[in-house]
């Protein structure tokens, strides 16, 4: 995703490294053309998943109002679902990169 940001900012002297996924998605959303609706939808889906991933990871070490009722099996099941959703996003990213990257598209 940082490579996509680098491509979009290739004519600017702006940094392309980001410390976290939410910030990276925000930067990509600003740099991406408005007509690239599929990319904007992907960035929104990644941001949504990132929040779920963080909550899922923290539920093992931090009790909160929304997770104190869950037992270990429920927490593991939630983690598994979040991981599966993340892998689906990876597949979606790979397909879009292949379609958007002129070098990848030539190899398809």
N, C-alpha and C. Protein backbone atom coordinates (compact mmCIF):
# COMPACT_ATOMS: atom_id res chain seq x y z
N UNK A 1 0.82 -1.18 0.00
CA UNK A 1 0.00 0.00 0.00
C UNK A 1 0.88 1.25 0.00
N UNK A 2 2.01 1.17 0.69
CA UNK A 2 2.93 2.30 0.63
C UNK A 2 3.47 2.48 -0.79
N UNK A 3 3.62 1.38 -1.52
CA UNK A 3 4.07 1.47 -2.91
C UNK A 3 3.02 2.21 -3.75
N UNK A 4 1.74 1.95 -3.48
CA UNK A 4 0.68 2.66 -4.19
C UNK A 4 0.75 4.15 -3.89
N UNK A 5 0.96 4.50 -2.63
CA UNK A 5 1.07 5.90 -2.25
C UNK A 5 2.29 6.54 -2.93
N UNK A 6 3.38 5.79 -2.99
CA UNK A 6 4.58 6.30 -3.65
C UNK A 6 4.30 6.56 -5.13
N UNK A 7 3.57 5.65 -5.78
CA UNK A 7 3.21 5.83 -7.19
C UNK A 7 2.34 7.07 -7.36
N UNK A 8 1.35 7.23 -6.50
CA UNK A 8 0.44 8.37 -6.62
C UNK A 8 1.13 9.70 -6.34
N UNK A 9 2.17 9.67 -5.50
CA UNK A 9 2.90 10.89 -5.14
C UNK A 9 4.24 11.01 -5.87
N UNK A 10 4.41 10.31 -6.95
CA UNK A 10 5.72 10.25 -7.62
C UNK A 10 6.25 11.60 -8.07
N UNK A 11 5.38 12.57 -8.28
CA UNK A 11 5.83 13.90 -8.71
C UNK A 11 5.93 14.89 -7.55
N UNK A 12 5.77 14.41 -6.34
CA UNK A 12 5.80 15.29 -5.17
C UNK A 12 6.90 14.84 -4.23
N UNK A 13 7.40 15.75 -3.46
CA UNK A 13 8.43 15.45 -2.46
C UNK A 13 7.77 15.26 -1.10
N UNK A 14 6.88 14.30 -1.00
CA UNK A 14 6.18 14.03 0.24
C UNK A 14 6.51 12.61 0.69
N UNK A 15 6.61 12.39 2.00
CA UNK A 15 6.92 11.04 2.48
C UNK A 15 5.80 10.06 2.16
N UNK A 16 6.17 8.81 1.95
CA UNK A 16 5.17 7.78 1.64
C UNK A 16 5.09 6.73 2.75
N UNK A 17 5.96 6.83 3.75
CA UNK A 17 5.91 5.86 4.85
C UNK A 17 4.91 6.35 5.89
N UNK A 18 4.15 5.42 6.43
CA UNK A 18 3.17 5.75 7.45
C UNK A 18 3.34 4.81 8.64
N UNK A 19 3.10 5.33 9.82
CA UNK A 19 3.29 4.55 11.04
C UNK A 19 2.16 3.57 11.31
N UNK A 20 0.98 3.79 10.72
CA UNK A 20 -0.11 2.86 10.97
C UNK A 20 -1.03 2.76 9.76
N UNK A 21 -1.82 1.71 9.77
CA UNK A 21 -2.68 1.39 8.64
C UNK A 21 -3.78 2.42 8.42
N UNK A 22 -4.39 2.90 9.49
CA UNK A 22 -5.44 3.91 9.35
C UNK A 22 -4.91 5.17 8.67
N UNK A 23 -3.76 5.62 9.12
CA UNK A 23 -3.15 6.83 8.54
C UNK A 23 -2.80 6.60 7.07
N UNK A 24 -2.26 5.42 6.77
CA UNK A 24 -1.91 5.10 5.39
C UNK A 24 -3.15 5.11 4.50
N UNK A 25 -4.24 4.53 4.98
CA UNK A 25 -5.49 4.54 4.20
C UNK A 25 -6.00 5.96 3.99
N UNK A 26 -5.86 6.80 5.00
CA UNK A 26 -6.28 8.20 4.86
C UNK A 26 -5.44 8.93 3.82
N UNK A 27 -4.13 8.72 3.87
CA UNK A 27 -3.24 9.35 2.89
C UNK A 27 -3.55 8.85 1.48
N UNK A 28 -3.81 7.57 1.35
CA UNK A 28 -4.15 7.01 0.03
C UNK A 28 -5.46 7.60 -0.47
N UNK A 29 -6.43 7.71 0.42
CA UNK A 29 -7.72 8.27 0.03
C UNK A 29 -7.60 9.70 -0.49
N UNK A 30 -6.71 10.47 0.11
CA UNK A 30 -6.50 11.85 -0.34
C UNK A 30 -5.74 11.91 -1.66
N UNK A 31 -4.81 10.98 -1.86
CA UNK A 31 -3.97 11.00 -3.05
C UNK A 31 -4.65 10.35 -4.26
N UNK A 32 -5.56 9.44 -4.01
CA UNK A 32 -6.23 8.69 -5.08
C UNK A 32 -7.24 9.57 -5.81
N UNK A 33 -7.34 9.39 -7.10
CA UNK A 33 -8.34 10.13 -7.89
C UNK A 33 -9.74 9.76 -7.40
N UNK A 34 -10.63 10.75 -7.35
CA UNK A 34 -12.01 10.50 -6.91
C UNK A 34 -12.71 9.47 -7.79
N UNK A 35 -12.31 9.38 -9.04
CA UNK A 35 -12.94 8.43 -9.96
C UNK A 35 -12.58 6.97 -9.64
N UNK A 36 -11.58 6.77 -8.82
CA UNK A 36 -11.16 5.41 -8.45
C UNK A 36 -12.00 4.90 -7.29
N UNK A 37 -13.29 4.75 -7.53
CA UNK A 37 -14.22 4.37 -6.45
C UNK A 37 -13.87 3.02 -5.85
N UNK A 38 -13.43 2.08 -6.65
CA UNK A 38 -13.07 0.76 -6.14
C UNK A 38 -11.92 0.85 -5.14
N UNK A 39 -10.96 1.72 -5.41
CA UNK A 39 -9.84 1.90 -4.50
C UNK A 39 -10.31 2.57 -3.21
N UNK A 40 -11.17 3.58 -3.32
CA UNK A 40 -11.67 4.26 -2.13
C UNK A 40 -12.49 3.30 -1.26
N UNK A 41 -13.26 2.43 -1.90
CA UNK A 41 -14.03 1.42 -1.15
C UNK A 41 -13.08 0.45 -0.44
N UNK A 42 -12.00 0.09 -1.10
CA UNK A 42 -11.02 -0.80 -0.49
C UNK A 42 -10.37 -0.14 0.73
N UNK A 43 -9.96 1.12 0.60
CA UNK A 43 -9.34 1.82 1.73
C UNK A 43 -10.29 1.89 2.92
N UNK A 44 -11.58 2.14 2.65
CA UNK A 44 -12.57 2.18 3.73
C UNK A 44 -12.72 0.81 4.38
N UNK A 45 -12.72 -0.25 3.58
CA UNK A 45 -12.84 -1.61 4.11
C UNK A 45 -11.63 -1.97 4.97
N UNK A 46 -10.46 -1.54 4.54
CA UNK A 46 -9.24 -1.82 5.31
C UNK A 46 -9.27 -1.08 6.64
N UNK A 47 -9.70 0.18 6.62
CA UNK A 47 -9.79 0.95 7.87
C UNK A 47 -10.78 0.30 8.83
N UNK A 48 -11.91 -0.15 8.31
CA UNK A 48 -12.91 -0.82 9.15
C UNK A 48 -12.33 -2.10 9.74
N UNK A 49 -11.67 -2.90 8.90
CA UNK A 49 -11.07 -4.15 9.36
C UNK A 49 -9.97 -3.88 10.38
N UNK A 50 -9.19 -2.85 10.16
CA UNK A 50 -8.10 -2.52 11.08
C UNK A 50 -8.63 -2.27 12.49
N UNK A 51 -9.73 -1.58 12.61
CA UNK A 51 -10.34 -1.35 13.91
C UNK A 51 -10.78 -2.66 14.57
N UNK A 52 -11.35 -3.54 13.77
CA UNK A 52 -11.77 -4.85 14.29
C UNK A 52 -10.56 -5.69 14.69
N UNK A 53 -9.49 -5.60 13.90
CA UNK A 53 -8.27 -6.33 14.22
C UNK A 53 -7.69 -5.85 15.54
N UNK A 54 -7.64 -4.54 15.72
CA UNK A 54 -7.11 -3.99 16.97
C UNK A 54 -7.94 -4.42 18.17
N UNK A 55 -9.26 -4.35 18.03
CA UNK A 55 -10.15 -4.75 19.13
C UNK A 55 -9.98 -6.23 19.43
N UNK A 56 -9.88 -7.04 18.39
CA UNK A 56 -9.72 -8.48 18.56
C UNK A 56 -8.42 -8.81 19.27
N UNK A 57 -7.36 -8.16 18.91
CA UNK A 57 -6.06 -8.40 19.53
C UNK A 57 -6.06 -7.94 20.99
N UNK A 58 -6.62 -6.77 21.24
CA UNK A 58 -6.62 -6.22 22.59
C UNK A 58 -7.56 -6.95 23.54
N UNK A 59 -8.54 -7.67 23.00
CA UNK A 59 -9.51 -8.33 23.87
C UNK A 59 -8.87 -9.40 24.75
N UNK A 60 -7.67 -9.84 24.41
CA UNK A 60 -6.99 -10.85 25.21
C UNK A 60 -6.24 -10.25 26.40
N UNK A 61 -5.95 -8.97 26.33
CA UNK A 61 -5.16 -8.35 27.40
C UNK A 61 -5.87 -7.18 28.08
N UNK A 62 -6.99 -6.77 27.53
CA UNK A 62 -7.65 -5.56 28.04
C UNK A 62 -9.16 -5.80 28.07
N UNK A 63 -9.74 -5.73 29.26
CA UNK A 63 -11.18 -5.87 29.37
C UNK A 63 -11.84 -4.54 29.04
N UNK A 64 -12.92 -4.63 28.30
CA UNK A 64 -13.67 -3.43 27.93
C UNK A 64 -15.16 -3.75 28.00
N UNK A 65 -15.96 -2.73 27.93
CA UNK A 65 -17.41 -2.91 28.03
C UNK A 65 -17.93 -3.89 26.99
N UNK A 66 -17.36 -3.87 25.80
CA UNK A 66 -17.88 -4.72 24.72
C UNK A 66 -17.27 -6.12 24.68
N UNK A 67 -16.33 -6.45 25.58
CA UNK A 67 -15.74 -7.79 25.50
C UNK A 67 -15.66 -8.54 26.83
N UNK A 68 -16.04 -7.93 27.93
CA UNK A 68 -15.88 -8.59 29.23
C UNK A 68 -16.74 -9.84 29.38
N UNK A 69 -17.79 -9.96 28.61
CA UNK A 69 -18.69 -11.11 28.69
C UNK A 69 -18.19 -12.32 27.88
N UNK A 70 -17.17 -12.14 27.06
CA UNK A 70 -16.69 -13.21 26.17
C UNK A 70 -15.74 -14.15 26.92
N UNK A 71 -15.90 -15.46 26.65
CA UNK A 71 -14.95 -16.41 27.22
C UNK A 71 -13.82 -16.64 26.20
N UNK A 72 -12.85 -17.45 26.59
CA UNK A 72 -11.70 -17.69 25.72
C UNK A 72 -12.06 -18.23 24.35
N UNK A 73 -12.99 -19.17 24.29
CA UNK A 73 -13.40 -19.76 23.01
C UNK A 73 -14.04 -18.72 22.10
N UNK A 74 -14.86 -17.83 22.69
CA UNK A 74 -15.48 -16.78 21.88
C UNK A 74 -14.44 -15.79 21.36
N UNK A 75 -13.45 -15.50 22.18
CA UNK A 75 -12.40 -14.57 21.76
C UNK A 75 -11.57 -15.18 20.63
N UNK A 76 -11.26 -16.44 20.74
CA UNK A 76 -10.51 -17.12 19.68
C UNK A 76 -11.33 -17.19 18.40
N UNK A 77 -12.63 -17.49 18.52
CA UNK A 77 -13.50 -17.53 17.33
C UNK A 77 -13.55 -16.15 16.67
N UNK A 78 -13.63 -15.10 17.48
CA UNK A 78 -13.64 -13.74 16.94
C UNK A 78 -12.31 -13.44 16.23
N UNK A 79 -11.21 -13.82 16.85
CA UNK A 79 -9.89 -13.63 16.23
C UNK A 79 -9.82 -14.35 14.88
N UNK A 80 -10.32 -15.57 14.85
CA UNK A 80 -10.29 -16.36 13.61
C UNK A 80 -11.09 -15.67 12.51
N UNK A 81 -12.28 -15.15 12.86
CA UNK A 81 -13.10 -14.46 11.87
C UNK A 81 -12.41 -13.21 11.35
N UNK A 82 -11.80 -12.44 12.24
CA UNK A 82 -11.09 -11.23 11.84
C UNK A 82 -9.91 -11.59 10.92
N UNK A 83 -9.20 -12.68 11.25
CA UNK A 83 -8.08 -13.12 10.40
C UNK A 83 -8.58 -13.55 9.02
N UNK A 84 -9.68 -14.27 8.97
CA UNK A 84 -10.24 -14.69 7.68
C UNK A 84 -10.68 -13.48 6.85
N UNK A 85 -11.29 -12.51 7.52
CA UNK A 85 -11.69 -11.29 6.81
C UNK A 85 -10.46 -10.53 6.30
N UNK A 86 -9.39 -10.54 7.09
CA UNK A 86 -8.14 -9.91 6.66
C UNK A 86 -7.56 -10.60 5.43
N UNK A 87 -7.61 -11.92 5.40
CA UNK A 87 -7.10 -12.65 4.23
C UNK A 87 -7.94 -12.35 2.99
N UNK A 88 -9.24 -12.18 3.17
CA UNK A 88 -10.10 -11.80 2.04
C UNK A 88 -9.71 -10.42 1.52
N UNK A 89 -9.36 -9.52 2.42
CA UNK A 89 -8.89 -8.19 2.00
C UNK A 89 -7.57 -8.29 1.25
N UNK A 90 -6.68 -9.18 1.71
CA UNK A 90 -5.40 -9.38 1.01
C UNK A 90 -5.66 -9.83 -0.43
N UNK A 91 -6.58 -10.77 -0.61
CA UNK A 91 -6.92 -11.21 -1.97
C UNK A 91 -7.47 -10.07 -2.81
N UNK A 92 -8.31 -9.25 -2.20
CA UNK A 92 -8.87 -8.10 -2.90
C UNK A 92 -7.78 -7.11 -3.29
N UNK A 93 -6.85 -6.87 -2.38
CA UNK A 93 -5.73 -5.96 -2.65
C UNK A 93 -4.89 -6.50 -3.80
N UNK A 94 -4.58 -7.79 -3.76
CA UNK A 94 -3.75 -8.39 -4.81
C UNK A 94 -4.40 -8.24 -6.18
N UNK A 95 -5.71 -8.47 -6.26
CA UNK A 95 -6.42 -8.33 -7.54
C UNK A 95 -6.39 -6.90 -8.06
N UNK A 96 -6.61 -5.94 -7.14
CA UNK A 96 -6.60 -4.54 -7.56
C UNK A 96 -5.20 -4.08 -7.95
N UNK A 97 -4.19 -4.52 -7.23
CA UNK A 97 -2.82 -4.16 -7.58
C UNK A 97 -2.49 -4.68 -8.97
N UNK A 98 -2.88 -5.91 -9.23
CA UNK A 98 -2.60 -6.50 -10.54
C UNK A 98 -3.31 -5.70 -11.64
N UNK A 99 -4.51 -5.25 -11.37
CA UNK A 99 -5.27 -4.50 -12.38
C UNK A 99 -4.74 -3.08 -12.55
N UNK A 100 -4.29 -2.45 -11.45
CA UNK A 100 -3.87 -1.05 -11.50
C UNK A 100 -2.40 -0.86 -11.86
N UNK A 101 -1.57 -1.84 -11.56
CA UNK A 101 -0.14 -1.72 -11.82
C UNK A 101 0.13 -2.16 -13.25
N UNK A 102 0.64 -1.25 -14.06
CA UNK A 102 0.81 -1.56 -15.48
C UNK A 102 1.80 -2.72 -15.69
N UNK A 103 2.74 -2.93 -14.79
CA UNK A 103 3.67 -4.04 -14.95
C UNK A 103 3.00 -5.36 -14.58
N UNK A 104 2.18 -5.34 -13.53
CA UNK A 104 1.47 -6.56 -13.13
C UNK A 104 0.43 -6.94 -14.16
N UNK A 105 -0.27 -5.96 -14.72
CA UNK A 105 -1.30 -6.24 -15.70
C UNK A 105 -0.71 -6.88 -16.95
N UNK A 106 0.51 -6.51 -17.31
CA UNK A 106 1.16 -7.07 -18.49
C UNK A 106 1.50 -8.54 -18.29
N UNK A 107 1.71 -8.93 -17.02
CA UNK A 107 2.07 -10.32 -16.71
C UNK A 107 0.84 -11.20 -16.56
N UNK A 108 -0.34 -10.61 -16.42
CA UNK A 108 -1.57 -11.38 -16.15
C UNK A 108 -1.95 -12.27 -17.31
